[in-house]
Amino acid sequence: SIYYADSVKGRFTISRENAKKMLYLQMNSLKPEDTAVYYC
């Protein structure tokens, strides 16, 4: 199950590696309105 906000759909990709206990967010085609503090 993976969900995205409409504003980032098609540009951002969420993924995880459970063995490493890691979460990722690949952000492409960034826009000025993406400026923010990002929280995990």
PDB file of all heavy atoms in Angstrom:
ATOM      1  N   SER A   1       0.848  -1.202   0.000  1.00  0.00           N
ATOM      2  CA  SER A   1       0.000   0.000   0.000  1.00  0.00           C
ATOM      3  C   SER A   1       0.873   1.238   0.000  1.00  0.00           C
ATOM      4  O   SER A   1       1.698   1.411   0.893  1.00  0.00           O
ATOM      5  CB  SER A   1      -0.919  -0.002   1.220  1.00  0.00           C
ATOM      6  OG  SER A   1      -1.770  -1.119   1.209  1.00  0.00           O
ATOM      7  N   ILE A   2       0.674   2.080  -0.990  1.00  0.00           N
ATOM      8  CA  ILE A   2       1.416   3.328  -1.127  1.00  0.00           C
ATOM      9  C   ILE A   2       0.425   4.417  -1.511  1.00  0.00           C
ATOM     10  O   ILE A   2      -0.416   4.220  -2.395  1.00  0.00           O
ATOM     11  CB  ILE A   2       2.531   3.226  -2.186  1.00  0.00           C
ATOM     12  CG1 ILE A   2       3.633   2.279  -1.716  1.00  0.00           C
ATOM     13  CG2 ILE A   2       3.106   4.599  -2.490  1.00  0.00           C
ATOM     14  CD1 ILE A   2       4.736   2.065  -2.741  1.00  0.00           C
ATOM     15  N   TYR A   3       0.536   5.556  -0.844  1.00  0.00           N
ATOM     16  CA  TYR A   3      -0.349   6.680  -1.128  1.00  0.00           C
ATOM     17  C   TYR A   3       0.478   7.953  -1.286  1.00  0.00           C
ATOM     18  O   TYR A   3       1.494   8.120  -0.625  1.00  0.00           O
ATOM     19  CB  TYR A   3      -1.367   6.865  -0.008  1.00  0.00           C
ATOM     20  CG  TYR A   3      -2.221   5.651   0.238  1.00  0.00           C
ATOM     21  CD1 TYR A   3      -1.953   4.790   1.288  1.00  0.00           C
ATOM     22  CD2 TYR A   3      -3.304   5.361  -0.602  1.00  0.00           C
ATOM     23  CE1 TYR A   3      -2.730   3.662   1.514  1.00  0.00           C
ATOM     24  CE2 TYR A   3      -4.081   4.234  -0.377  1.00  0.00           C
ATOM     25  CZ  TYR A   3      -3.790   3.387   0.671  1.00  0.00           C
ATOM     26  OH  TYR A   3      -4.558   2.272   0.887  1.00  0.00           O
ATOM     27  N   TYR A   4      -0.009   8.842  -2.138  1.00  0.00           N
ATOM     28  CA  TYR A   4       0.641  10.134  -2.359  1.00  0.00           C
ATOM     29  C   TYR A   4      -0.396  11.247  -2.297  1.00  0.00           C
ATOM     30  O   TYR A   4      -1.556  11.064  -2.664  1.00  0.00           O
ATOM     31  CB  TYR A   4       1.302  10.189  -3.735  1.00  0.00           C
ATOM     32  CG  TYR A   4       2.447   9.215  -3.924  1.00  0.00           C
ATOM     33  CD1 TYR A   4       2.265   8.020  -4.591  1.00  0.00           C
ATOM     34  CD2 TYR A   4       3.722   9.526  -3.434  1.00  0.00           C
ATOM     35  CE1 TYR A   4       3.312   7.126  -4.773  1.00  0.00           C
ATOM     36  CE2 TYR A   4       4.777   8.644  -3.613  1.00  0.00           C
ATOM     37  CZ  TYR A   4       4.567   7.445  -4.285  1.00  0.00           C
ATOM     38  OH  TYR A   4       5.605   6.575  -4.467  1.00  0.00           O
ATOM     39  N   ALA A   5       0.058  12.412  -1.866  1.00  0.00           N
ATOM     40  CA  ALA A   5      -0.767  13.602  -2.006  1.00  0.00           C
ATOM     41  C   ALA A   5      -0.871  13.934  -3.486  1.00  0.00           C
ATOM     42  O   ALA A   5       0.072  13.699  -4.251  1.00  0.00           O
ATOM     43  CB  ALA A   5      -0.140  14.763  -1.241  1.00  0.00           C
ATOM     44  N   ASP A   6      -1.989  14.484  -3.889  1.00  0.00           N
ATOM     45  CA  ASP A   6      -2.188  14.821  -5.301  1.00  0.00           C
ATOM     46  C   ASP A   6      -1.100  15.769  -5.803  1.00  0.00           C
ATOM     47  O   ASP A   6      -0.689  15.705  -6.965  1.00  0.00           O
ATOM     48  CB  ASP A   6      -3.562  15.463  -5.516  1.00  0.00           C
ATOM     49  CG  ASP A   6      -4.693  14.455  -5.381  1.00  0.00           C
ATOM     50  OD1 ASP A   6      -4.428  13.236  -5.456  1.00  0.00           O
ATOM     51  OD2 ASP A   6      -5.846  14.889  -5.190  1.00  0.00           O
ATOM     52  N   SER A   7      -0.621  16.637  -4.931  1.00  0.00           N
ATOM     53  CA  SER A   7       0.349  17.650  -5.328  1.00  0.00           C
ATOM     54  C   SER A   7       1.714  17.072  -5.696  1.00  0.00           C
ATOM     55  O   SER A   7       2.514  17.744  -6.352  1.00  0.00           O
ATOM     56  CB  SER A   7       0.508  18.693  -4.218  1.00  0.00           C
ATOM     57  OG  SER A   7       0.933  18.066  -3.016  1.00  0.00           O
ATOM     58  N   VAL A   8       1.994  15.834  -5.267  1.00  0.00           N
ATOM     59  CA  VAL A   8       3.310  15.254  -5.544  1.00  0.00           C
ATOM     60  C   VAL A   8       3.223  14.006  -6.419  1.00  0.00           C
ATOM     61  O   VAL A   8       4.261  13.467  -6.830  1.00  0.00           O
ATOM     62  CB  VAL A   8       4.060  14.919  -4.242  1.00  0.00           C
ATOM     63  CG1 VAL A   8       4.130  16.133  -3.325  1.00  0.00           C
ATOM     64  CG2 VAL A   8       3.435  13.726  -3.520  1.00  0.00           C
ATOM     65  N   LYS A   9       2.021  13.555  -6.696  1.00  0.00           N
ATOM     66  CA  LYS A   9       1.840  12.337  -7.478  1.00  0.00           C
ATOM     67  C   LYS A   9       2.501  12.467  -8.844  1.00  0.00           C
ATOM     68  O   LYS A   9       2.333  13.466  -9.530  1.00  0.00           O
ATOM     69  CB  LYS A   9       0.339  12.055  -7.617  1.00  0.00           C
ATOM     70  CG  LYS A   9      -0.026  10.620  -7.883  1.00  0.00           C
ATOM     71  CD  LYS A   9      -1.525  10.427  -7.777  1.00  0.00           C
ATOM     72  CE  LYS A   9      -2.035  10.613  -6.378  1.00  0.00           C
ATOM     73  NZ  LYS A   9      -3.492  10.350  -6.248  1.00  0.00           N
ATOM     74  N   GLY A  10       3.265  11.462  -9.215  1.00  0.00           N
ATOM     75  CA  GLY A  10       3.971  11.480 -10.489  1.00  0.00           C
ATOM     76  C   GLY A  10       5.345  12.114 -10.423  1.00  0.00           C
ATOM     77  O   GLY A  10       6.135  11.986 -11.373  1.00  0.00           O
ATOM     78  N   ARG A  11       5.646  12.796  -9.321  1.00  0.00           N
ATOM     79  CA  ARG A  11       6.957  13.443  -9.165  1.00  0.00           C
ATOM     80  C   ARG A  11       7.776  12.834  -8.029  1.00  0.00           C
ATOM     81  O   ARG A  11       9.004  12.786  -8.108  1.00  0.00           O
ATOM     82  CB  ARG A  11       6.774  14.942  -8.900  1.00  0.00           C
ATOM     83  CG  ARG A  11       6.059  15.677 -10.009  1.00  0.00           C
ATOM     84  CD  ARG A  11       6.081  17.192  -9.758  1.00  0.00           C
ATOM     85  NE  ARG A  11       5.390  17.556  -8.528  1.00  0.00           N
ATOM     86  CZ  ARG A  11       5.967  18.218  -7.524  1.00  0.00           C
ATOM     87  NH1 ARG A  11       7.239  18.577  -7.606  1.00  0.00           N
ATOM     88  NH2 ARG A  11       5.265  18.537  -6.442  1.00  0.00           N
ATOM     89  N   PHE A  12       7.097  12.398  -6.979  1.00  0.00           N
ATOM     90  CA  PHE A  12       7.767  11.840  -5.802  1.00  0.00           C
ATOM     91  C   PHE A  12       7.538  10.332  -5.748  1.00  0.00           C
ATOM     92  O   PHE A  12       6.476   9.837  -6.161  1.00  0.00           O
ATOM     93  CB  PHE A  12       7.215  12.451  -4.518  1.00  0.00           C
ATOM     94  CG  PHE A  12       7.559  13.899  -4.296  1.00  0.00           C
ATOM     95  CD1 PHE A  12       8.145  14.674  -5.281  1.00  0.00           C
ATOM     96  CD2 PHE A  12       7.304  14.481  -3.060  1.00  0.00           C
ATOM     97  CE1 PHE A  12       8.448  16.011  -5.066  1.00  0.00           C
ATOM     98  CE2 PHE A  12       7.611  15.808  -2.824  1.00  0.00           C
ATOM     99  CZ  PHE A  12       8.173  16.565  -3.829  1.00  0.00           C
ATOM    100  N   THR A  13       8.539   9.617  -5.216  1.00  0.00           N
ATOM    101  CA  THR A  13       8.418   8.174  -5.025  1.00  0.00           C
ATOM    102  C   THR A  13       8.875   7.803  -3.623  1.00  0.00           C
ATOM    103  O   THR A  13      10.005   8.130  -3.236  1.00  0.00           O
ATOM    104  CB  THR A  13       9.259   7.409  -6.047  1.00  0.00           C
ATOM    105  OG1 THR A  13       8.843   7.761  -7.378  1.00  0.00           O
ATOM    106  CG2 THR A  13       9.093   5.900  -5.862  1.00  0.00           C
ATOM    107  N   ILE A  14       8.008   7.132  -2.874  1.00  0.00           N
ATOM    108  CA  ILE A  14       8.350   6.671  -1.536  1.00  0.00           C
ATOM    109  C   ILE A  14       8.762   5.207  -1.624  1.00  0.00           C
ATOM    110  O   ILE A  14       8.190   4.431  -2.401  1.00  0.00           O
ATOM    111  CB  ILE A  14       7.164   6.856  -0.556  1.00  0.00           C
ATOM    112  CG1 ILE A  14       7.591   6.578   0.877  1.00  0.00           C
ATOM    113  CG2 ILE A  14       5.976   5.992  -0.961  1.00  0.00           C
ATOM    114  CD1 ILE A  14       6.527   6.935   1.918  1.00  0.00           C
ATOM    115  N   SER A  15       9.774   4.840  -0.838  1.00  0.00           N
ATOM    116  CA  SER A  15      10.221   3.447  -0.799  1.00  0.00           C
ATOM    117  C   SER A  15      10.835   3.163   0.563  1.00  0.00           C
ATOM    118  O   SER A  15      11.110   4.090   1.322  1.00  0.00           O
ATOM    119  CB  SER A  15      11.227   3.163  -1.919  1.00  0.00           C
ATOM    120  OG  SER A  15      12.387   3.970  -1.762  1.00  0.00           O
ATOM    121  N   ARG A  16      11.068   1.884   0.838  1.00  0.00           N
ATOM    122  CA  ARG A  16      11.646   1.518   2.126  1.00  0.00           C
ATOM    123  C   ARG A  16      12.490   0.256   1.994  1.00  0.00           C
ATOM    124  O   ARG A  16      12.270  -0.557   1.090  1.00  0.00           O
ATOM    125  CB  ARG A  16      10.537   1.321   3.159  1.00  0.00           C
ATOM    126  CG  ARG A  16       9.593   0.179   2.880  1.00  0.00           C
ATOM    127  CD  ARG A  16       8.415   0.182   3.869  1.00  0.00           C
ATOM    128  NE  ARG A  16       8.861  -0.025   5.242  1.00  0.00           N
ATOM    129  CZ  ARG A  16       8.083   0.204   6.309  1.00  0.00           C
ATOM    130  NH1 ARG A  16       6.846   0.640   6.149  1.00  0.00           N
ATOM    131  NH2 ARG A  16       8.551  -0.038   7.530  1.00  0.00           N
ATOM    132  N   GLU A  17      13.430   0.116   2.912  1.00  0.00           N
ATOM    133  CA  GLU A  17      14.244  -1.092   3.034  1.00  0.00           C
ATOM    134  C   GLU A  17      14.116  -1.560   4.480  1.00  0.00           C
ATOM    135  O   GLU A  17      14.776  -1.013   5.370  1.00  0.00           O
ATOM    136  CB  GLU A  17      15.704  -0.808   2.706  1.00  0.00           C
ATOM    137  CG  GLU A  17      15.983  -0.540   1.245  1.00  0.00           C
ATOM    138  CD  GLU A  17      17.481  -0.421   0.972  1.00  0.00           C
ATOM    139  OE1 GLU A  17      18.118  -1.461   0.720  1.00  0.00           O
ATOM    140  OE2 GLU A  17      18.002   0.709   1.029  1.00  0.00           O
ATOM    141  N   ASN A  18      13.269  -2.538   4.710  1.00  0.00           N
ATOM    142  CA  ASN A  18      12.982  -2.958   6.083  1.00  0.00           C
ATOM    143  C   ASN A  18      14.204  -3.542   6.787  1.00  0.00           C
ATOM    144  O   ASN A  18      14.387  -3.319   7.986  1.00  0.00           O
ATOM    145  CB  ASN A  18      11.844  -3.978   6.084  1.00  0.00           C
ATOM    146  CG  ASN A  18      10.520  -3.353   5.704  1.00  0.00           C
ATOM    147  OD1 ASN A  18      10.333  -2.143   5.816  1.00  0.00           O
ATOM    148  ND2 ASN A  18       9.592  -4.170   5.241  1.00  0.00           N
ATOM    149  N   ALA A  19      15.030  -4.275   6.078  1.00  0.00           N
ATOM    150  CA  ALA A  19      16.208  -4.880   6.699  1.00  0.00           C
ATOM    151  C   ALA A  19      17.160  -3.813   7.239  1.00  0.00           C
ATOM    152  O   ALA A  19      17.845  -4.028   8.240  1.00  0.00           O
ATOM    153  CB  ALA A  19      16.932  -5.768   5.701  1.00  0.00           C
ATOM    154  N   LYS A  20      17.183  -2.661   6.583  1.00  0.00           N
ATOM    155  CA  LYS A  20      18.046  -1.559   7.013  1.00  0.00           C
ATOM    156  C   LYS A  20      17.306  -0.538   7.854  1.00  0.00           C
ATOM    157  O   LYS A  20      17.904   0.429   8.318  1.00  0.00           O
ATOM    158  CB  LYS A  20      18.649  -0.865   5.792  1.00  0.00           C
ATOM    159  CG  LYS A  20      19.567  -1.730   4.958  1.00  0.00           C
ATOM    160  CD  LYS A  20      20.142  -0.933   3.790  1.00  0.00           C
ATOM    161  CE  LYS A  20      21.093  -1.782   2.965  1.00  0.00           C
ATOM    162  NZ  LYS A  20      21.654  -1.011   1.812  1.00  0.00           N
ATOM    163  N   LYS A  21      16.005  -0.728   8.028  1.00  0.00           N
ATOM    164  CA  LYS A  21      15.170   0.214   8.767  1.00  0.00           C
ATOM    165  C   LYS A  21      15.285   1.613   8.165  1.00  0.00           C
ATOM    166  O   LYS A  21      15.477   2.607   8.869  1.00  0.00           O
ATOM    167  CB  LYS A  21      15.530   0.234  10.251  1.00  0.00           C
ATOM    168  CG  LYS A  21      15.262  -1.077  10.963  1.00  0.00           C
ATOM    169  CD  LYS A  21      15.474  -0.943  12.460  1.00  0.00           C
ATOM    170  CE  LYS A  21      15.107  -2.230  13.169  1.00  0.00           C
ATOM    171  NZ  LYS A  21      15.273  -2.116  14.639  1.00  0.00           N
ATOM    172  N   MET A  22      15.168   1.674   6.861  1.00  0.00           N
ATOM    173  CA  MET A  22      15.303   2.939   6.152  1.00  0.00           C
ATOM    174  C   MET A  22      14.048   3.244   5.339  1.00  0.00           C
ATOM    175  O   MET A  22      13.399   2.356   4.787  1.00  0.00           O
ATOM    176  CB  MET A  22      16.494   2.904   5.202  1.00  0.00           C
ATOM    177  CG  MET A  22      17.847   2.819   5.879  1.00  0.00           C
ATOM    178  SD  MET A  22      18.257   4.315   6.822  1.00  0.00           S
ATOM    179  CE  MET A  22      18.337   5.532   5.509  1.00  0.00           C
ATOM    180  N   LEU A  23      13.735   4.535   5.260  1.00  0.00           N
ATOM    181  CA  LEU A  23      12.649   5.057   4.441  1.00  0.00           C
ATOM    182  C   LEU A  23      13.237   6.111   3.519  1.00  0.00           C
ATOM    183  O   LEU A  23      14.146   6.846   3.927  1.00  0.00           O
ATOM    184  CB  LEU A  23      11.558   5.676   5.311  1.00  0.00           C
ATOM    185  CG  LEU A  23      10.395   6.347   4.590  1.00  0.00           C
ATOM    186  CD1 LEU A  23       9.499   5.289   3.960  1.00  0.00           C
ATOM    187  CD2 LEU A  23       9.600   7.225   5.550  1.00  0.00           C
ATOM    188  N   TYR A  24      12.738   6.172   2.284  1.00  0.00           N
ATOM    189  CA  TYR A  24      13.266   7.121   1.312  1.00  0.00           C
ATOM    190  C   TYR A  24      12.125   7.900   0.650  1.00  0.00           C
ATOM    191  O   TYR A  24      10.989   7.434   0.580  1.00  0.00           O
ATOM    192  CB  TYR A  24      14.055   6.394   0.223  1.00  0.00           C
ATOM    193  CG  TYR A  24      15.145   5.499   0.751  1.00  0.00           C
ATOM    194  CD1 TYR A  24      14.952   4.123   0.847  1.00  0.00           C
ATOM    195  CD2 TYR A  24      16.364   6.033   1.172  1.00  0.00           C
ATOM    196  CE1 TYR A  24      15.937   3.297   1.339  1.00  0.00           C
ATOM    197  CE2 TYR A  24      17.361   5.214   1.670  1.00  0.00           C
ATOM    198  CZ  TYR A  24      17.149   3.848   1.746  1.00  0.00           C
ATOM    199  OH  TYR A  24      18.129   3.028   2.245  1.00  0.00           O
ATOM    200  N   LEU A  25      12.482   9.081   0.157  1.00  0.00           N
ATOM    201  CA  LEU A  25      11.562   9.851  -0.669  1.00  0.00           C
ATOM    202  C   LEU A  25      12.377  10.450  -1.806  1.00  0.00           C
ATOM    203  O   LEU A  25      13.181  11.361  -1.591  1.00  0.00           O
ATOM    204  CB  LEU A  25      10.867  10.959   0.131  1.00  0.00           C
ATOM    205  CG  LEU A  25       9.802  11.729  -0.642  1.00  0.00           C
ATOM    206  CD1 LEU A  25       8.599  10.824  -0.931  1.00  0.00           C
ATOM    207  CD2 LEU A  25       9.343  12.966   0.140  1.00  0.00           C
ATOM    208  N   GLN A  26      12.187   9.917  -2.996  1.00  0.00           N
ATOM    209  CA  GLN A  26      12.825  10.457  -4.188  1.00  0.00           C
ATOM    210  C   GLN A  26      11.936  11.558  -4.737  1.00  0.00           C
ATOM    211  O   GLN A  26      10.778  11.320  -5.072  1.00  0.00           O
ATOM    212  CB  GLN A  26      13.019   9.365  -5.241  1.00  0.00           C
ATOM    213  CG  GLN A  26      13.643   9.856  -6.534  1.00  0.00           C
ATOM    214  CD  GLN A  26      15.067  10.340  -6.353  1.00  0.00           C
ATOM    215  OE1 GLN A  26      15.860   9.716  -5.662  1.00  0.00           O
ATOM    216  NE2 GLN A  26      15.402  11.463  -6.980  1.00  0.00           N
ATOM    217  N   MET A  27      12.476  12.758  -4.825  1.00  0.00           N
ATOM    218  CA  MET A  27      11.705  13.915  -5.272  1.00  0.00           C
ATOM    219  C   MET A  27      12.282  14.440  -6.577  1.00  0.00           C
ATOM    220  O   MET A  27      13.440  14.874  -6.613  1.00  0.00           O
ATOM    221  CB  MET A  27      11.735  15.007  -4.200  1.00  0.00           C
ATOM    222  CG  MET A  27      11.265  14.530  -2.836  1.00  0.00           C
ATOM    223  SD  MET A  27      11.149  15.851  -1.624  1.00  0.00           S
ATOM    224  CE  MET A  27      12.863  16.332  -1.479  1.00  0.00           C
ATOM    225  N   ASN A  28      11.515  14.361  -7.640  1.00  0.00           N
ATOM    226  CA  ASN A  28      11.935  14.841  -8.951  1.00  0.00           C
ATOM    227  C   ASN A  28      11.060  16.015  -9.391  1.00  0.00           C
ATOM    228  O   ASN A  28       9.989  16.248  -8.831  1.00  0.00           O
ATOM    229  CB  ASN A  28      11.829  13.708  -9.976  1.00  0.00           C
ATOM    230  CG  ASN A  28      12.734  12.533  -9.652  1.00  0.00           C
ATOM    231  OD1 ASN A  28      13.800  12.679  -9.076  1.00  0.00           O
ATOM    232  ND2 ASN A  28      12.288  11.334 -10.035  1.00  0.00           N
ATOM    233  N   SER A  29      11.522  16.720 -10.392  1.00  0.00           N
ATOM    234  CA  SER A  29      10.769  17.869 -10.937  1.00  0.00           C
ATOM    235  C   SER A  29      10.301  18.790  -9.821  1.00  0.00           C
ATOM    236  O   SER A  29       9.131  19.187  -9.766  1.00  0.00           O
ATOM    237  CB  SER A  29       9.576  17.358 -11.751  1.00  0.00           C
ATOM    238  OG  SER A  29       9.996  16.510 -12.793  1.00  0.00           O
ATOM    239  N   LEU A  30      11.210  19.125  -8.941  1.00  0.00           N
ATOM    240  CA  LEU A  30      10.847  19.942  -7.779  1.00  0.00           C
ATOM    241  C   LEU A  30      10.388  21.326  -8.188  1.00  0.00           C
ATOM    242  O   LEU A  30      10.882  21.909  -9.166  1.00  0.00           O
ATOM    243  CB  LEU A  30      12.022  20.025  -6.816  1.00  0.00           C
ATOM    244  CG  LEU A  30      12.218  18.754  -5.973  1.00  0.00           C
ATOM    245  CD1 LEU A  30      13.618  18.710  -5.383  1.00  0.00           C
ATOM    246  CD2 LEU A  30      11.182  18.701  -4.862  1.00  0.00           C
ATOM    247  N   LYS A  31       9.436  21.850  -7.419  1.00  0.00           N
ATOM    248  CA  LYS A  31       8.861  23.173  -7.654  1.00  0.00           C
ATOM    249  C   LYS A  31       9.096  24.039  -6.419  1.00  0.00           C
ATOM    250  O   LYS A  31       9.236  23.510  -5.308  1.00  0.00           O
ATOM    251  CB  LYS A  31       7.356  23.044  -7.897  1.00  0.00           C
ATOM    252  CG  LYS A  31       6.970  22.104  -9.016  1.00  0.00           C
ATOM    253  CD  LYS A  31       5.457  21.957  -9.093  1.00  0.00           C
ATOM    254  CE  LYS A  31       5.048  20.980 -10.197  1.00  0.00           C
ATOM    255  NZ  LYS A  31       3.574  20.823 -10.267  1.00  0.00           N
ATOM    256  N   PRO A  32       9.094  25.349  -6.584  1.00  0.00           N
ATOM    257  CA  PRO A  32       9.252  26.235  -5.408  1.00  0.00           C
ATOM    258  C   PRO A  32       8.221  25.948  -4.319  1.00  0.00           C
ATOM    259  O   PRO A  32       8.531  26.065  -3.136  1.00  0.00           O
ATOM    260  CB  PRO A  32       9.073  27.626  -6.009  1.00  0.00           C
ATOM    261  CG  PRO A  32       9.557  27.488  -7.410  1.00  0.00           C
ATOM    262  CD  PRO A  32       9.107  26.113  -7.840  1.00  0.00           C
ATOM    263  N   GLU A  33       7.031  25.532  -4.700  1.00  0.00           N
ATOM    264  CA  GLU A  33       5.996  25.242  -3.704  1.00  0.00           C
ATOM    265  C   GLU A  33       6.258  23.952  -2.918  1.00  0.00           C
ATOM    266  O   GLU A  33       5.526  23.639  -1.980  1.00  0.00           O
ATOM    267  CB  GLU A  33       4.604  25.177  -4.356  1.00  0.00           C
ATOM    268  CG  GLU A  33       4.522  24.297  -5.587  1.00  0.00           C
ATOM    269  CD  GLU A  33       4.660  25.092  -6.882  1.00  0.00           C
ATOM    270  OE1 GLU A  33       5.549  25.964  -6.960  1.00  0.00           O
ATOM    271  OE2 GLU A  33       3.890  24.808  -7.833  1.00  0.00           O
ATOM    272  N   ASP A  34       7.283  23.210  -3.290  1.00  0.00           N
ATOM    273  CA  ASP A  34       7.694  22.043  -2.506  1.00  0.00           C
ATOM    274  C   ASP A  34       8.589  22.435  -1.331  1.00  0.00           C
ATOM    275  O   ASP A  34       8.929  21.581  -0.507  1.00  0.00           O
ATOM    276  CB  ASP A  34       8.445  21.039  -3.388  1.00  0.00           C
ATOM    277  CG  ASP A  34       7.567  20.419  -4.456  1.00  0.00           C
ATOM    278  OD1 ASP A  34       6.393  20.087  -4.149  1.00  0.00           O
ATOM    279  OD2 ASP A  34       8.042  20.263  -5.597  1.00  0.00           O
ATOM    280  N   THR A  35       8.966  23.697  -1.271  1.00  0.00           N
ATOM    281  CA  THR A  35       9.809  24.182  -0.179  1.00  0.00           C
ATOM    282  C   THR A  35       9.093  24.002   1.148  1.00  0.00           C
ATOM    283  O   THR A  35       7.963  24.461   1.334  1.00  0.00           O
ATOM    284  CB  THR A  35      10.153  25.665  -0.383  1.00  0.00           C
ATOM    285  OG1 THR A  35      10.960  25.802  -1.557  1.00  0.00           O
ATOM    286  CG2 THR A  35      10.906  26.219   0.825  1.00  0.00           C
ATOM    287  N   ALA A  36       9.757  23.293   2.067  1.00  0.00           N
ATOM    288  CA  ALA A  36       9.155  22.991   3.369  1.00  0.00           C
ATOM    289  C   ALA A  36      10.165  22.214   4.207  1.00  0.00           C
ATOM    290  O   ALA A  36      11.199  21.771   3.703  1.00  0.00           O
ATOM    291  CB  ALA A  36       7.887  22.155   3.193  1.00  0.00           C
ATOM    292  N   VAL A  37       9.819  22.052   5.473  1.00  0.00           N
ATOM    293  CA  VAL A  37      10.523  21.084   6.311  1.00  0.00           C
ATOM    294  C   VAL A  37       9.815  19.752   6.128  1.00  0.00           C
ATOM    295  O   VAL A  37       8.589  19.674   6.292  1.00  0.00           O
ATOM    296  CB  VAL A  37      10.523  21.503   7.791  1.00  0.00           C
ATOM    297  CG1 VAL A  37      11.197  20.426   8.638  1.00  0.00           C
ATOM    298  CG2 VAL A  37      11.220  22.851   7.965  1.00  0.00           C
ATOM    299  N   TYR A  38      10.570  18.732   5.806  1.00  0.00           N
ATOM    300  CA  TYR A  38      10.011  17.400   5.570  1.00  0.00           C
ATOM    301  C   TYR A  38      10.256  16.510   6.783  1.00  0.00           C
ATOM    302  O   TYR A  38      11.386  16.407   7.270  1.00  0.00           O
ATOM    303  CB  TYR A  38      10.629  16.781   4.316  1.00  0.00           C
ATOM    304  CG  TYR A  38      10.065  17.367   3.047  1.00  0.00           C
ATOM    305  CD1 TYR A  38      10.360  18.669   2.671  1.00  0.00           C
ATOM    306  CD2 TYR A  38       9.209  16.628   2.235  1.00  0.00           C
ATOM    307  CE1 TYR A  38       9.825  19.230   1.518  1.00  0.00           C
ATOM    308  CE2 TYR A  38       8.667  17.167   1.075  1.00  0.00           C
ATOM    309  CZ  TYR A  38       8.977  18.470   0.722  1.00  0.00           C
ATOM    310  OH  TYR A  38       8.436  19.016  -0.427  1.00  0.00           O
ATOM    311  N   TYR A  39       9.184  15.866   7.232  1.00  0.00           N
ATOM    312  CA  TYR A  39       9.231  15.022   8.417  1.00  0.00           C
ATOM    313  C   TYR A  39       8.950  13.569   8.064  1.00  0.00           C
ATOM    314  O   TYR A  39       8.039  13.273   7.283  1.00  0.00           O
ATOM    315  CB  TYR A  39       8.184  15.472   9.434  1.00  0.00           C
ATOM    316  CG  TYR A  39       8.395  16.855   9.976  1.00  0.00           C
ATOM    317  CD1 TYR A  39       7.815  17.954   9.365  1.00  0.00           C
ATOM    318  CD2 TYR A  39       9.183  17.062  11.113  1.00  0.00           C
ATOM    319  CE1 TYR A  39       8.015  19.231   9.866  1.00  0.00           C
ATOM    320  CE2 TYR A  39       9.381  18.332  11.617  1.00  0.00           C
ATOM    321  CZ  TYR A  39       8.793  19.410  10.982  1.00  0.00           C
ATOM    322  OH  TYR A  39       8.987  20.676  11.486  1.00  0.00           O
ATOM    323  N   CYS A  40       9.704  12.698   8.692  1.00  0.00           N
ATOM    324  CA  CYS A  40       9.480  11.260   8.605  1.00  0.00           C
ATOM    325  C   CYS A  40       8.602  10.846   9.783  1.00  0.00           C
ATOM    326  O   CYS A  40       8.748  11.396  10.882  1.00  0.00           O
ATOM    327  CB  CYS A  40      10.839  10.562   8.668  1.00  0.00           C
ATOM    328  SG  CYS A  40      10.807   8.784   8.783  1.00  0.00           S
TER     329      CYS A  40
END
